[in-house]
Each structure stands twice: as structure tokens, then as C-alpha cells.
C-alpha atoms as a PDB file:
ATOM      1  CA  MET A   1      -7.944 164.605  23.262  1.00  0.00           C
ATOM      2  CA  LEU A   2      -9.236 162.319  25.980  1.00  0.00           C
ATOM      3  CA  ILE A   3      -9.332 163.516  29.547  1.00  0.00           C
ATOM      4  CA  VAL A   4      -9.837 161.160  32.451  1.00  0.00           C
ATOM      5  CA  ASN A   5     -10.072 162.765  35.859  1.00  0.00           C
ATOM      6  CA  VAL A   6      -8.668 160.578  38.618  1.00  0.00           C
ATOM      7  CA  LYS A   7     -10.999 160.724  41.588  1.00  0.00           C
ATOM      8  CA  GLU A   8      -9.977 160.920  45.214  1.00  0.00           C
ATOM      9  CA  ASN A   9      -8.644 157.554  46.499  1.00  0.00           C
ATOM     10  CA  GLU A  10      -9.098 155.924  43.075  1.00  0.00           C
ATOM     11  CA  SER A  11      -6.506 153.455  41.907  1.00  0.00           C
ATOM     12  CA  ILE A  12      -4.560 154.067  38.730  1.00  0.00           C
ATOM     13  CA  ASP A  13      -5.800 150.734  37.372  1.00  0.00           C
ATOM     14  CA  LYS A  14      -9.433 151.874  37.477  1.00  0.00           C
ATOM     15  CA  ALA A  15      -8.572 155.199  35.843  1.00  0.00           C
ATOM     16  CA  LEU A  16      -6.607 153.395  33.141  1.00  0.00           C
ATOM     17  CA  LYS A  17      -9.551 151.069  32.531  1.00  0.00           C
ATOM     18  CA  ARG A  18     -11.863 154.077  32.082  1.00  0.00           C
ATOM     19  CA  PHE A  19      -9.353 155.633  29.680  1.00  0.00           C
ATOM     20  CA  LYS A  20      -9.191 152.432  27.630  1.00  0.00           C
ATOM     21  CA  LYS A  21     -12.993 152.294  27.377  1.00  0.00           C
ATOM     22  CA  LYS A  22     -13.171 155.913  26.219  1.00  0.00           C
ATOM     23  CA  PHE A  23     -10.387 155.312  23.709  1.00  0.00           C
ATOM     24  CA  GLU A  24     -12.146 152.216  22.350  1.00  0.00           C
ATOM     25  CA  LYS A  25     -15.380 154.178  21.856  1.00  0.00           C
ATOM     26  CA  THR A  26     -13.642 156.821  19.751  1.00  0.00           C
ATOM     27  CA  GLY A  27     -12.739 154.217  17.118  1.00  0.00           C
ATOM     28  CA  VAL A  28      -9.292 155.682  16.444  1.00  0.00           C
ATOM     29  CA  LEU A  29      -7.492 152.356  16.472  1.00  0.00           C
ATOM     30  CA  LYS A  30     -10.083 150.726  14.209  1.00  0.00           C
ATOM     31  CA  GLU A  31      -9.753 153.543  11.684  1.00  0.00           C
ATOM     32  CA  LEU A  32      -5.967 153.398  11.832  1.00  0.00           C
ATOM     33  CA  ARG A  33      -5.997 149.678  11.049  1.00  0.00           C
ATOM     34  CA  SER A  34      -8.419 150.185   8.175  1.00  0.00           C
ATOM     35  CA  ARG A  35      -6.166 152.866   6.664  1.00  0.00           C
ATOM     36  CA  THR A  36      -3.009 150.735   6.714  1.00  0.00           C
ATOM     37  CA  SER A  37      -3.968 149.051   3.458  1.00  0.00           C
ATOM     38  CA  PHE A  38      -6.338 150.024   0.669  1.00  0.00           C
ATOM     39  CA  GLU A  39      -9.398 147.870   0.152  1.00  0.00           C
ATOM     40  CA  LYS A  40     -11.392 148.192  -3.027  1.00  0.00           C
ATOM     41  CA  PRO A  41     -14.977 149.374  -2.523  1.00  0.00           C
ATOM     42  CA  SER A  42     -16.312 146.198  -4.142  1.00  0.00           C
ATOM     43  CA  VAL A  43     -14.351 144.041  -1.695  1.00  0.00           C
ATOM     44  CA  SER A  44     -15.522 146.034   1.307  1.00  0.00           C
ATOM     45  CA  ARG A  45     -19.139 145.833   0.100  1.00  0.00           C
ATOM     46  CA  ARG A  46     -18.817 142.059  -0.373  1.00  0.00           C
ATOM     47  CA  ASN A  47     -17.479 141.705   3.162  1.00  0.00           C
ATOM     48  CA  GLU A  48     -20.404 143.763   4.506  1.00  0.00           C
ATOM     49  CA  ILE A  49     -22.890 141.501   2.701  1.00  0.00           C
ATOM     50  CA  ILE A  50     -21.188 138.336   3.999  1.00  0.00           C
ATOM     51  CA  HIS A  51     -21.168 139.719   7.540  1.00  0.00           C
ATOM     52  CA  ALA A  52     -24.846 140.734   7.327  1.00  0.00           C
ATOM     53  CA  ALA A  53     -25.794 137.265   6.054  1.00  0.00           C
ATOM     54  CA  TYR A  54     -23.867 135.661   8.906  1.00  0.00           C
ATOM     55  CA  LYS A  55     -25.620 137.842  11.481  1.00  0.00           C
ATOM     56  CA  GLN A  56     -28.984 137.005   9.917  1.00  0.00           C
ATOM     57  CA  ARG A  57     -28.268 133.257  10.089  1.00  0.00           C
ATOM     58  CA  MET A  58     -27.224 133.523  13.725  1.00  0.00           C
ATOM     59  CA  GLN A  59     -30.372 135.483  14.583  1.00  0.00           C
ATOM     60  CA  ASN A  60     -32.568 132.929  12.809  1.00  0.00           C
ATOM     61  CA  GLN A  61     -30.900 130.076  14.699  1.00  0.00           C
ATOM     62  CA  GLU A  62     -31.441 131.889  17.973  1.00  0.00           C
ATOM     63  CA  ASN A  63     -35.139 132.433  17.286  1.00  0.00           C
ATOM     64  CA  SER A  64     -35.741 128.827  16.214  1.00  0.00           C
END
């Protein structure tokens, strides 16, 4: 359960923004989306490898 204390003379918008950041850090929404459909372990591993290769290429381009 997330608790966000609203400080004295603080707008609701700022408190809501802090709540959204805390909620994003928990990863609840990401996990919920991943659980909506089953993904085979081989497919998830393949996607991890493709993503890692992409990040490596981008890092190499940045260093060049």
C-alpha cells in the first residue's frame, strides 16, 4: 500500500505526481501486463537476447 503524505500548502497535482512516481517504481503495472498473456520461456529469452544486442549496438555507436 502506497502512502503519500500531502505537505502543508502543497498542491494536489504535486502530490499526485509523487504518487505516480512511487507507483511506477513498484512495477505493479508492468507485472500485470506481463501476466495478461502467457509467453513461452524460449520466446522471452529470445526477446532478452535481441534487446541486449540492440543495447550493445547503441552503446558501440555512442562510443565510436
